[in-house]
Structure formats: structure tokens, C-alpha cells
All heavy atoms as atom14 arrays in JSON, in Angstrom:
{
  "sequence": "EGEIKTSIPTLKAFMGNGGSVGFQIFKGIFAPILLTRDLIKTHKVD",
  "atom14_mask": [
    [1, 1, 1, 1, 1, 1, 1, 1, 1, 0, 0, 0, 0, 0],
    [1, 1, 1, 1, 0, 0, 0, 0, 0, 0, 0, 0, 0, 0],
    [1, 1, 1, 1, 1, 1, 1, 1, 1, 0, 0, 0, 0, 0],
    [1, 1, 1, 1, 1, 1, 1, 1, 0, 0, 0, 0, 0, 0],
    [1, 1, 1, 1, 1, 1, 1, 1, 1, 0, 0, 0, 0, 0],
    [1, 1, 1, 1, 1, 1, 1, 0, 0, 0, 0, 0, 0, 0],
    [1, 1, 1, 1, 1, 1, 0, 0, 0, 0, 0, 0, 0, 0],
    [1, 1, 1, 1, 1, 1, 1, 1, 0, 0, 0, 0, 0, 0],
    [1, 1, 1, 1, 1, 1, 1, 0, 0, 0, 0, 0, 0, 0],
    [1, 1, 1, 1, 1, 1, 1, 0, 0, 0, 0, 0, 0, 0],
    [1, 1, 1, 1, 1, 1, 1, 1, 0, 0, 0, 0, 0, 0],
    [1, 1, 1, 1, 1, 1, 1, 1, 1, 0, 0, 0, 0, 0],
    [1, 1, 1, 1, 1, 0, 0, 0, 0, 0, 0, 0, 0, 0],
    [1, 1, 1, 1, 1, 1, 1, 1, 1, 1, 1, 0, 0, 0],
    [1, 1, 1, 1, 1, 1, 1, 1, 0, 0, 0, 0, 0, 0],
    [1, 1, 1, 1, 0, 0, 0, 0, 0, 0, 0, 0, 0, 0],
    [1, 1, 1, 1, 1, 1, 1, 1, 0, 0, 0, 0, 0, 0],
    [1, 1, 1, 1, 0, 0, 0, 0, 0, 0, 0, 0, 0, 0],
    [1, 1, 1, 1, 0, 0, 0, 0, 0, 0, 0, 0, 0, 0],
    [1, 1, 1, 1, 1, 1, 0, 0, 0, 0, 0, 0, 0, 0],
    [1, 1, 1, 1, 1, 1, 1, 0, 0, 0, 0, 0, 0, 0],
    [1, 1, 1, 1, 0, 0, 0, 0, 0, 0, 0, 0, 0, 0],
    [1, 1, 1, 1, 1, 1, 1, 1, 1, 1, 1, 0, 0, 0],
    [1, 1, 1, 1, 1, 1, 1, 1, 1, 0, 0, 0, 0, 0],
    [1, 1, 1, 1, 1, 1, 1, 1, 0, 0, 0, 0, 0, 0],
    [1, 1, 1, 1, 1, 1, 1, 1, 1, 1, 1, 0, 0, 0],
    [1, 1, 1, 1, 1, 1, 1, 1, 1, 0, 0, 0, 0, 0],
    [1, 1, 1, 1, 0, 0, 0, 0, 0, 0, 0, 0, 0, 0],
    [1, 1, 1, 1, 1, 1, 1, 1, 0, 0, 0, 0, 0, 0],
    [1, 1, 1, 1, 1, 1, 1, 1, 1, 1, 1, 0, 0, 0],
    [1, 1, 1, 1, 1, 0, 0, 0, 0, 0, 0, 0, 0, 0],
    [1, 1, 1, 1, 1, 1, 1, 0, 0, 0, 0, 0, 0, 0],
    [1, 1, 1, 1, 1, 1, 1, 1, 0, 0, 0, 0, 0, 0],
    [1, 1, 1, 1, 1, 1, 1, 1, 0, 0, 0, 0, 0, 0],
    [1, 1, 1, 1, 1, 1, 1, 1, 0, 0, 0, 0, 0, 0],
    [1, 1, 1, 1, 1, 1, 1, 0, 0, 0, 0, 0, 0, 0],
    [1, 1, 1, 1, 1, 1, 1, 1, 1, 1, 1, 0, 0, 0],
    [1, 1, 1, 1, 1, 1, 1, 1, 0, 0, 0, 0, 0, 0],
    [1, 1, 1, 1, 1, 1, 1, 1, 0, 0, 0, 0, 0, 0],
    [1, 1, 1, 1, 1, 1, 1, 1, 0, 0, 0, 0, 0, 0],
    [1, 1, 1, 1, 1, 1, 1, 1, 1, 0, 0, 0, 0, 0],
    [1, 1, 1, 1, 1, 1, 1, 0, 0, 0, 0, 0, 0, 0],
    [1, 1, 1, 1, 1, 1, 1, 1, 1, 1, 0, 0, 0, 0],
    [1, 1, 1, 1, 1, 1, 1, 1, 1, 0, 0, 0, 0, 0],
    [1, 1, 1, 1, 1, 1, 1, 0, 0, 0, 0, 0, 0, 0],
    [1, 1, 1, 1, 1, 1, 1, 1, 0, 0, 0, 0, 0, 0]
  ],
  "atom14_positions": [
    [[147.13, 99.5, 51.34], [148.12, 99.15, 52.26], [149.43, 98.74, 51.4], [149.38, 98.18, 50.39], [147.68, 97.88, 53.08], [146.47, 98.31, 53.96], [146.16, 97.19, 54.92], [146.44, 96.02, 54.71], [145.47, 97.41, 55.94], [0.0, 0.0, 0.0], [0.0, 0.0, 0.0], [0.0, 0.0, 0.0], [0.0, 0.0, 0.0], [0.0, 0.0, 0.0]],
    [[150.59, 99.09, 51.97], [151.84, 98.96, 51.36], [152.55, 97.62, 51.3], [152.68, 97.07, 52.51], [0.0, 0.0, 0.0], [0.0, 0.0, 0.0], [0.0, 0.0, 0.0], [0.0, 0.0, 0.0], [0.0, 0.0, 0.0], [0.0, 0.0, 0.0], [0.0, 0.0, 0.0], [0.0, 0.0, 0.0], [0.0, 0.0, 0.0], [0.0, 0.0, 0.0]],
    [[152.71, 96.93, 50.18], [153.36, 95.69, 50.19], [154.81, 95.87, 50.7], [155.42, 96.75, 50.23], [153.31, 95.03, 48.72], [153.91, 93.6, 48.66], [153.94, 93.14, 47.26], [153.2, 93.65, 46.44], [154.67, 92.18, 47.13], [0.0, 0.0, 0.0], [0.0, 0.0, 0.0], [0.0, 0.0, 0.0], [0.0, 0.0, 0.0], [0.0, 0.0, 0.0]],
    [[155.26, 94.92, 51.55], [156.74, 94.98, 51.94], [157.28, 93.52, 52.03], [156.49, 92.53, 51.88], [156.67, 95.47, 53.42], [155.64, 94.84, 54.32], [156.31, 97.13, 53.45], [155.65, 95.16, 55.72], [0.0, 0.0, 0.0], [0.0, 0.0, 0.0], [0.0, 0.0, 0.0], [0.0, 0.0, 0.0], [0.0, 0.0, 0.0], [0.0, 0.0, 0.0]],
    [[158.58, 93.48, 52.17], [159.3, 92.16, 52.2], [159.6, 91.81, 53.73], [160.02, 90.74, 54.03], [160.49, 92.27, 51.42], [160.2, 92.16, 49.84], [159.66, 90.78, 49.39], [160.75, 89.83, 49.42], [161.77, 89.87, 48.32], [0.0, 0.0, 0.0], [0.0, 0.0, 0.0], [0.0, 0.0, 0.0], [0.0, 0.0, 0.0], [0.0, 0.0, 0.0]],
    [[159.72, 92.89, 54.57], [160.09, 92.61, 56.05], [159.09, 93.15, 56.79], [158.28, 94.11, 56.67], [161.53, 93.38, 56.31], [161.69, 93.26, 57.63], [161.45, 94.79, 55.84], [0.0, 0.0, 0.0], [0.0, 0.0, 0.0], [0.0, 0.0, 0.0], [0.0, 0.0, 0.0], [0.0, 0.0, 0.0], [0.0, 0.0, 0.0], [0.0, 0.0, 0.0]],
    [[158.92, 92.54, 58.01], [157.93, 92.97, 58.95], [158.29, 94.13, 59.77], [157.51, 94.79, 60.49], [157.61, 91.8, 60.02], [157.19, 90.59, 59.26], [0.0, 0.0, 0.0], [0.0, 0.0, 0.0], [0.0, 0.0, 0.0], [0.0, 0.0, 0.0], [0.0, 0.0, 0.0], [0.0, 0.0, 0.0], [0.0, 0.0, 0.0], [0.0, 0.0, 0.0]],
    [[159.55, 94.59, 59.64], [160.04, 95.75, 60.4], [160.69, 96.79, 59.53], [161.95, 97.05, 59.66], [160.95, 95.33, 61.51], [162.08, 94.38, 61.03], [160.23, 94.58, 62.68], [163.16, 93.95, 62.04], [0.0, 0.0, 0.0], [0.0, 0.0, 0.0], [0.0, 0.0, 0.0], [0.0, 0.0, 0.0], [0.0, 0.0, 0.0], [0.0, 0.0, 0.0]],
    [[159.86, 97.37, 58.56], [160.54, 98.27, 57.51], [161.16, 99.55, 58.19], [162.25, 99.99, 57.78], [159.52, 98.47, 56.52], [158.22, 98.26, 57.36], [158.46, 97.06, 58.17], [0.0, 0.0, 0.0], [0.0, 0.0, 0.0], [0.0, 0.0, 0.0], [0.0, 0.0, 0.0], [0.0, 0.0, 0.0], [0.0, 0.0, 0.0], [0.0, 0.0, 0.0]],
    [[160.44, 100.13, 59.13], [160.87, 101.32, 59.65], [162.2, 101.1, 60.49], [163.04, 101.95, 60.38], [159.74, 101.91, 60.72], [158.57, 101.99, 59.96], [160.16, 103.3, 61.09], [0.0, 0.0, 0.0], [0.0, 0.0, 0.0], [0.0, 0.0, 0.0], [0.0, 0.0, 0.0], [0.0, 0.0, 0.0], [0.0, 0.0, 0.0], [0.0, 0.0, 0.0]],
    [[162.24, 99.98, 61.26], [163.36, 99.61, 62.07], [164.54, 99.39, 61.05], [165.7, 99.77, 61.36], [163.13, 98.47, 62.96], [164.19, 98.06, 63.86], [164.57, 99.17, 64.89], [163.92, 96.76, 64.54], [0.0, 0.0, 0.0], [0.0, 0.0, 0.0], [0.0, 0.0, 0.0], [0.0, 0.0, 0.0], [0.0, 0.0, 0.0], [0.0, 0.0, 0.0]],
    [[164.31, 98.61, 59.95], [165.37, 98.37, 59.14], [165.89, 99.6, 58.46], [167.19, 99.69, 58.27], [164.83, 97.39, 58.0], [164.62, 95.99, 58.31], [165.85, 95.25, 58.34], [165.59, 93.7, 58.64], [166.98, 93.01, 58.69], [0.0, 0.0, 0.0], [0.0, 0.0, 0.0], [0.0, 0.0, 0.0], [0.0, 0.0, 0.0], [0.0, 0.0, 0.0]],
    [[165.09, 100.48, 58.06], [165.56, 101.8, 57.52], [166.38, 102.59, 58.58], [167.35, 103.13, 58.27], [164.39, 102.59, 57.07], [0.0, 0.0, 0.0], [0.0, 0.0, 0.0], [0.0, 0.0, 0.0], [0.0, 0.0, 0.0], [0.0, 0.0, 0.0], [0.0, 0.0, 0.0], [0.0, 0.0, 0.0], [0.0, 0.0, 0.0], [0.0, 0.0, 0.0]],
    [[165.9, 102.62, 59.77], [166.5, 103.37, 60.82], [167.81, 102.82, 61.25], [168.75, 103.61, 61.51], [165.56, 103.44, 62.06], [166.01, 104.34, 63.13], [166.03, 105.66, 63.02], [166.34, 103.9, 64.41], [166.39, 106.62, 64.06], [166.65, 104.64, 65.47], [166.78, 106.11, 65.25], [0.0, 0.0, 0.0], [0.0, 0.0, 0.0], [0.0, 0.0, 0.0]],
    [[168.02, 101.54, 61.42], [169.14, 100.87, 61.9], [170.1, 100.63, 60.7], [170.68, 99.56, 60.57], [168.82, 99.6, 62.53], [167.9, 99.69, 63.77], [168.58, 100.77, 65.05], [169.93, 99.59, 65.74], [0.0, 0.0, 0.0], [0.0, 0.0, 0.0], [0.0, 0.0, 0.0], [0.0, 0.0, 0.0], [0.0, 0.0, 0.0], [0.0, 0.0, 0.0]],
    [[170.38, 101.69, 59.85], [171.31, 101.35, 58.77], [172.64, 101.48, 59.32], [172.97, 101.84, 60.5], [0.0, 0.0, 0.0], [0.0, 0.0, 0.0], [0.0, 0.0, 0.0], [0.0, 0.0, 0.0], [0.0, 0.0, 0.0], [0.0, 0.0, 0.0], [0.0, 0.0, 0.0], [0.0, 0.0, 0.0], [0.0, 0.0, 0.0], [0.0, 0.0, 0.0]],
    [[173.72, 101.15, 58.45], [174.97, 101.0, 59.02], [175.58, 102.38, 58.98], [175.16, 103.37, 58.41], [175.94, 100.07, 58.02], [176.13, 100.6, 56.67], [175.29, 101.49, 56.25], [177.01, 100.13, 55.94], [0.0, 0.0, 0.0], [0.0, 0.0, 0.0], [0.0, 0.0, 0.0], [0.0, 0.0, 0.0], [0.0, 0.0, 0.0], [0.0, 0.0, 0.0]],
    [[176.71, 102.6, 59.75], [177.38, 103.93, 59.64], [176.89, 104.72, 60.88], [176.01, 104.42, 61.7], [0.0, 0.0, 0.0], [0.0, 0.0, 0.0], [0.0, 0.0, 0.0], [0.0, 0.0, 0.0], [0.0, 0.0, 0.0], [0.0, 0.0, 0.0], [0.0, 0.0, 0.0], [0.0, 0.0, 0.0], [0.0, 0.0, 0.0], [0.0, 0.0, 0.0]],
    [[177.52, 105.9, 61.0], [177.16, 106.91, 62.03], [178.13, 106.81, 63.25], [178.87, 105.92, 63.39], [0.0, 0.0, 0.0], [0.0, 0.0, 0.0], [0.0, 0.0, 0.0], [0.0, 0.0, 0.0], [0.0, 0.0, 0.0], [0.0, 0.0, 0.0], [0.0, 0.0, 0.0], [0.0, 0.0, 0.0], [0.0, 0.0, 0.0], [0.0, 0.0, 0.0]],
    [[178.07, 107.9, 63.91], [179.0, 108.04, 65.2], [178.59, 107.06, 66.25], [177.44, 106.53, 66.25], [178.97, 109.51, 65.62], [177.55, 109.81, 66.09], [0.0, 0.0, 0.0], [0.0, 0.0, 0.0], [0.0, 0.0, 0.0], [0.0, 0.0, 0.0], [0.0, 0.0, 0.0], [0.0, 0.0, 0.0], [0.0, 0.0, 0.0], [0.0, 0.0, 0.0]],
    [[179.45, 106.94, 67.26], [179.11, 106.04, 68.43], [177.74, 106.59, 69.12], [176.88, 105.86, 69.55], [180.26, 106.08, 69.35], [179.83, 105.25, 70.68], [181.48, 105.43, 68.82], [0.0, 0.0, 0.0], [0.0, 0.0, 0.0], [0.0, 0.0, 0.0], [0.0, 0.0, 0.0], [0.0, 0.0, 0.0], [0.0, 0.0, 0.0], [0.0, 0.0, 0.0]],
    [[177.69, 107.95, 69.17], [176.59, 108.61, 69.91], [175.24, 108.18, 69.15], [174.19, 108.01, 69.79], [0.0, 0.0, 0.0], [0.0, 0.0, 0.0], [0.0, 0.0, 0.0], [0.0, 0.0, 0.0], [0.0, 0.0, 0.0], [0.0, 0.0, 0.0], [0.0, 0.0, 0.0], [0.0, 0.0, 0.0], [0.0, 0.0, 0.0], [0.0, 0.0, 0.0]],
    [[175.47, 108.4, 67.76], [174.18, 108.08, 67.01], [173.77, 106.61, 67.14], [172.57, 106.37, 67.04], [174.57, 108.42, 65.5], [173.25, 108.35, 64.61], [172.09, 109.19, 65.03], [173.21, 107.64, 63.49], [170.92, 109.05, 64.08], [172.04, 107.58, 62.71], [171.01, 108.31, 62.99], [0.0, 0.0, 0.0], [0.0, 0.0, 0.0], [0.0, 0.0, 0.0]],
    [[174.74, 105.79, 67.22], [174.39, 104.24, 67.41], [173.7, 103.99, 68.62], [172.8, 103.27, 68.67], [175.79, 103.46, 67.29], [176.53, 103.57, 65.93], [175.63, 102.85, 64.76], [174.75, 102.08, 65.02], [176.07, 103.14, 63.57], [0.0, 0.0, 0.0], [0.0, 0.0, 0.0], [0.0, 0.0, 0.0], [0.0, 0.0, 0.0], [0.0, 0.0, 0.0]],
    [[174.18, 104.72, 69.72], [173.42, 104.62, 70.94], [172.16, 105.13, 70.91], [171.06, 104.59, 71.44], [174.26, 105.48, 72.06], [175.6, 104.68, 72.31], [173.46, 105.5, 73.41], [176.59, 105.45, 73.26], [0.0, 0.0, 0.0], [0.0, 0.0, 0.0], [0.0, 0.0, 0.0], [0.0, 0.0, 0.0], [0.0, 0.0, 0.0], [0.0, 0.0, 0.0]],
    [[171.91, 106.35, 70.21], [170.63, 107.0, 70.13], [169.66, 105.9, 69.38], [168.51, 105.82, 69.76], [170.8, 108.26, 69.25], [169.57, 108.84, 68.87], [168.72, 109.44, 69.75], [169.05, 108.64, 67.55], [167.58, 110.17, 69.24], [167.84, 109.26, 67.11], [167.05, 110.02, 67.97], [0.0, 0.0, 0.0], [0.0, 0.0, 0.0], [0.0, 0.0, 0.0]],
    [[170.17, 105.26, 68.33], [169.34, 104.26, 67.47], [168.89, 103.13, 68.42], [167.8, 102.73, 68.33], [170.07, 103.86, 66.31], [170.27, 104.97, 65.19], [170.73, 104.37, 63.83], [172.03, 103.93, 63.8], [172.54, 103.58, 62.56], [0.0, 0.0, 0.0], [0.0, 0.0, 0.0], [0.0, 0.0, 0.0], [0.0, 0.0, 0.0], [0.0, 0.0, 0.0]],
    [[169.91, 102.78, 69.24], [169.57, 101.52, 70.18], [168.56, 101.91, 71.16], [167.68, 101.02, 71.44], [0.0, 0.0, 0.0], [0.0, 0.0, 0.0], [0.0, 0.0, 0.0], [0.0, 0.0, 0.0], [0.0, 0.0, 0.0], [0.0, 0.0, 0.0], [0.0, 0.0, 0.0], [0.0, 0.0, 0.0], [0.0, 0.0, 0.0], [0.0, 0.0, 0.0]],
    [[168.29, 103.14, 71.63], [167.39, 103.48, 72.58], [166.0, 103.51, 71.91], [165.07, 103.03, 72.42], [167.73, 105.0, 73.09], [169.01, 104.87, 73.96], [166.49, 105.48, 73.95], [169.49, 106.25, 74.29], [0.0, 0.0, 0.0], [0.0, 0.0, 0.0], [0.0, 0.0, 0.0], [0.0, 0.0, 0.0], [0.0, 0.0, 0.0], [0.0, 0.0, 0.0]],
    [[165.93, 103.98, 70.7], [164.6, 104.13, 69.95], [164.2, 102.83, 69.19], [163.04, 102.69, 68.81], [164.66, 105.26, 69.02], [164.39, 106.58, 69.74], [165.45, 107.38, 70.05], [163.07, 107.08, 69.77], [165.15, 108.6, 70.85], [162.76, 108.28, 70.38], [163.81, 108.96, 70.97], [0.0, 0.0, 0.0], [0.0, 0.0, 0.0], [0.0, 0.0, 0.0]],
    [[165.19, 101.84, 69.08], [164.84, 100.71, 68.22], [163.67, 99.89, 68.79], [162.74, 99.54, 68.06], [166.11, 99.82, 68.22], [0.0, 0.0, 0.0], [0.0, 0.0, 0.0], [0.0, 0.0, 0.0], [0.0, 0.0, 0.0], [0.0, 0.0, 0.0], [0.0, 0.0, 0.0], [0.0, 0.0, 0.0], [0.0, 0.0, 0.0], [0.0, 0.0, 0.0]],
    [[163.45, 99.7, 70.2], [162.27, 98.96, 70.74], [160.93, 99.63, 70.32], [159.96, 99.02, 70.07], [162.53, 98.87, 72.15], [163.99, 99.1, 72.41], [164.38, 100.06, 71.33], [0.0, 0.0, 0.0], [0.0, 0.0, 0.0], [0.0, 0.0, 0.0], [0.0, 0.0, 0.0], [0.0, 0.0, 0.0], [0.0, 0.0, 0.0], [0.0, 0.0, 0.0]],
    [[160.98, 100.9, 70.34], [159.79, 101.77, 70.05], [159.28, 101.44, 68.61], [158.18, 101.19, 68.19], [159.89, 103.19, 70.37], [160.24, 103.46, 71.82], [158.71, 104.03, 69.88], [160.76, 104.79, 72.06], [0.0, 0.0, 0.0], [0.0, 0.0, 0.0], [0.0, 0.0, 0.0], [0.0, 0.0, 0.0], [0.0, 0.0, 0.0], [0.0, 0.0, 0.0]],
    [[160.29, 101.5, 67.59], [160.06, 101.34, 66.29], [159.68, 99.93, 66.0], [158.89, 99.66, 65.07], [161.32, 101.7, 65.38], [161.69, 103.17, 65.47], [162.99, 103.42, 64.61], [160.56, 104.05, 64.88], [0.0, 0.0, 0.0], [0.0, 0.0, 0.0], [0.0, 0.0, 0.0], [0.0, 0.0, 0.0], [0.0, 0.0, 0.0], [0.0, 0.0, 0.0]],
    [[160.3, 98.96, 66.68], [160.02, 97.49, 66.46], [158.5, 97.24, 66.88], [157.81, 96.61, 66.02], [160.96, 96.7, 67.41], [160.6, 95.22, 67.37], [160.8, 94.64, 66.03], [161.45, 94.57, 68.51], [0.0, 0.0, 0.0], [0.0, 0.0, 0.0], [0.0, 0.0, 0.0], [0.0, 0.0, 0.0], [0.0, 0.0, 0.0], [0.0, 0.0, 0.0]],
    [[158.03, 97.66, 67.93], [156.7, 97.62, 68.45], [155.73, 98.28, 67.41], [154.72, 97.65, 67.02], [156.48, 98.3, 69.82], [157.43, 97.78, 70.64], [155.0, 98.0, 70.3], [0.0, 0.0, 0.0], [0.0, 0.0, 0.0], [0.0, 0.0, 0.0], [0.0, 0.0, 0.0], [0.0, 0.0, 0.0], [0.0, 0.0, 0.0], [0.0, 0.0, 0.0]],
    [[156.02, 99.41, 66.97], [155.27, 100.16, 65.91], [155.08, 99.32, 64.67], [153.92, 99.21, 64.16], [155.76, 101.58, 65.67], [155.02, 102.34, 64.79], [155.66, 103.78, 64.81], [154.96, 104.68, 63.8], [155.33, 104.76, 62.55], [156.34, 104.1, 62.05], [154.62, 105.56, 61.67], [0.0, 0.0, 0.0], [0.0, 0.0, 0.0], [0.0, 0.0, 0.0]],
    [[156.18, 98.78, 64.19], [156.2, 98.11, 62.91], [155.36, 96.79, 63.03], [154.57, 96.48, 62.19], [157.58, 97.67, 62.52], [158.37, 98.82, 61.71], [157.66, 99.77, 61.33], [159.5, 98.68, 61.61], [0.0, 0.0, 0.0], [0.0, 0.0, 0.0], [0.0, 0.0, 0.0], [0.0, 0.0, 0.0], [0.0, 0.0, 0.0], [0.0, 0.0, 0.0]],
    [[155.45, 96.09, 64.22], [154.78, 94.79, 64.31], [153.27, 95.06, 64.36], [152.46, 94.25, 63.95], [155.29, 94.07, 65.61], [156.73, 93.45, 65.56], [157.24, 93.01, 66.82], [156.92, 92.51, 64.28], [0.0, 0.0, 0.0], [0.0, 0.0, 0.0], [0.0, 0.0, 0.0], [0.0, 0.0, 0.0], [0.0, 0.0, 0.0], [0.0, 0.0, 0.0]],
    [[152.9, 96.16, 65.02], [151.46, 96.58, 65.12], [150.93, 96.87, 63.67], [149.8, 96.35, 63.41], [151.21, 97.69, 66.06], [151.54, 97.33, 67.37], [149.82, 98.3, 65.94], [151.58, 98.4, 68.5], [0.0, 0.0, 0.0], [0.0, 0.0, 0.0], [0.0, 0.0, 0.0], [0.0, 0.0, 0.0], [0.0, 0.0, 0.0], [0.0, 0.0, 0.0]],
    [[151.73, 97.46, 62.92], [151.22, 97.92, 61.57], [151.34, 96.82, 60.46], [150.9, 97.05, 59.39], [151.97, 99.24, 61.2], [151.47, 100.39, 61.91], [152.25, 101.64, 61.49], [151.59, 102.9, 61.98], [150.37, 103.33, 61.32], [0.0, 0.0, 0.0], [0.0, 0.0, 0.0], [0.0, 0.0, 0.0], [0.0, 0.0, 0.0], [0.0, 0.0, 0.0]],
    [[151.98, 95.8, 60.79], [152.28, 94.8, 59.64], [151.46, 93.67, 59.82], [151.16, 93.19, 60.92], [153.83, 94.35, 59.81], [154.61, 95.64, 59.63], [154.13, 93.42, 58.66], [0.0, 0.0, 0.0], [0.0, 0.0, 0.0], [0.0, 0.0, 0.0], [0.0, 0.0, 0.0], [0.0, 0.0, 0.0], [0.0, 0.0, 0.0], [0.0, 0.0, 0.0]],
    [[150.91, 93.07, 58.68], [150.02, 91.92, 58.8], [150.24, 91.15, 57.38], [150.8, 91.67, 56.41], [148.55, 92.18, 58.92], [147.97, 92.86, 57.86], [147.0, 92.45, 57.25], [148.16, 94.11, 57.34], [146.47, 93.31, 56.26], [147.32, 94.31, 56.32], [0.0, 0.0, 0.0], [0.0, 0.0, 0.0], [0.0, 0.0, 0.0], [0.0, 0.0, 0.0]],
    [[149.8, 89.91, 57.39], [150.02, 89.14, 56.23], [148.58, 88.81, 55.53], [147.52, 88.57, 56.25], [150.61, 87.73, 56.61], [152.09, 87.67, 56.47], [152.68, 86.2, 56.63], [154.17, 86.17, 56.53], [154.66, 84.83, 56.61], [0.0, 0.0, 0.0], [0.0, 0.0, 0.0], [0.0, 0.0, 0.0], [0.0, 0.0, 0.0], [0.0, 0.0, 0.0]],
    [[148.63, 88.77, 54.17], [147.43, 88.36, 53.41], [147.99, 87.55, 52.19], [148.79, 87.86, 51.43], [146.73, 89.66, 52.85], [145.53, 89.18, 51.95], [146.25, 90.54, 53.99], [0.0, 0.0, 0.0], [0.0, 0.0, 0.0], [0.0, 0.0, 0.0], [0.0, 0.0, 0.0], [0.0, 0.0, 0.0], [0.0, 0.0, 0.0], [0.0, 0.0, 0.0]],
    [[147.38, 86.26, 52.18], [147.8, 85.22, 51.14], [149.3, 85.24, 50.97], [149.9, 85.09, 49.82], [147.25, 85.81, 49.8], [145.67, 85.73, 49.77], [145.0, 85.0, 50.55], [145.14, 86.63, 49.11], [0.0, 0.0, 0.0], [0.0, 0.0, 0.0], [0.0, 0.0, 0.0], [0.0, 0.0, 0.0], [0.0, 0.0, 0.0], [0.0, 0.0, 0.0]]
  ]
}
């Protein structure tokens, strides 16, 4: 399993800065899906 620093790595990567207005809207639509996916796949150990 991959060690990470944030519980939402996919969302953090996807929601980078920059991009057109249309792309920002597109990212906003898909953000909740990625957030849910990340939270399901992330857990803590020690």
C-alpha cells in the first residue's frame, strides 16, 4: 500500500492550479467523485 501525506491525493493532483474556465468547471463537477474514491481508499496505520 502506498504511503501518502494527504488523504485525498487523487483530488489534490486533479485540482491543480491553472486551466481555462471550462476546465475549472469540469474539475468542479468531478471533484466529489474523486473525493469519495480517495476517502474510501485511504486509511491510517501507526
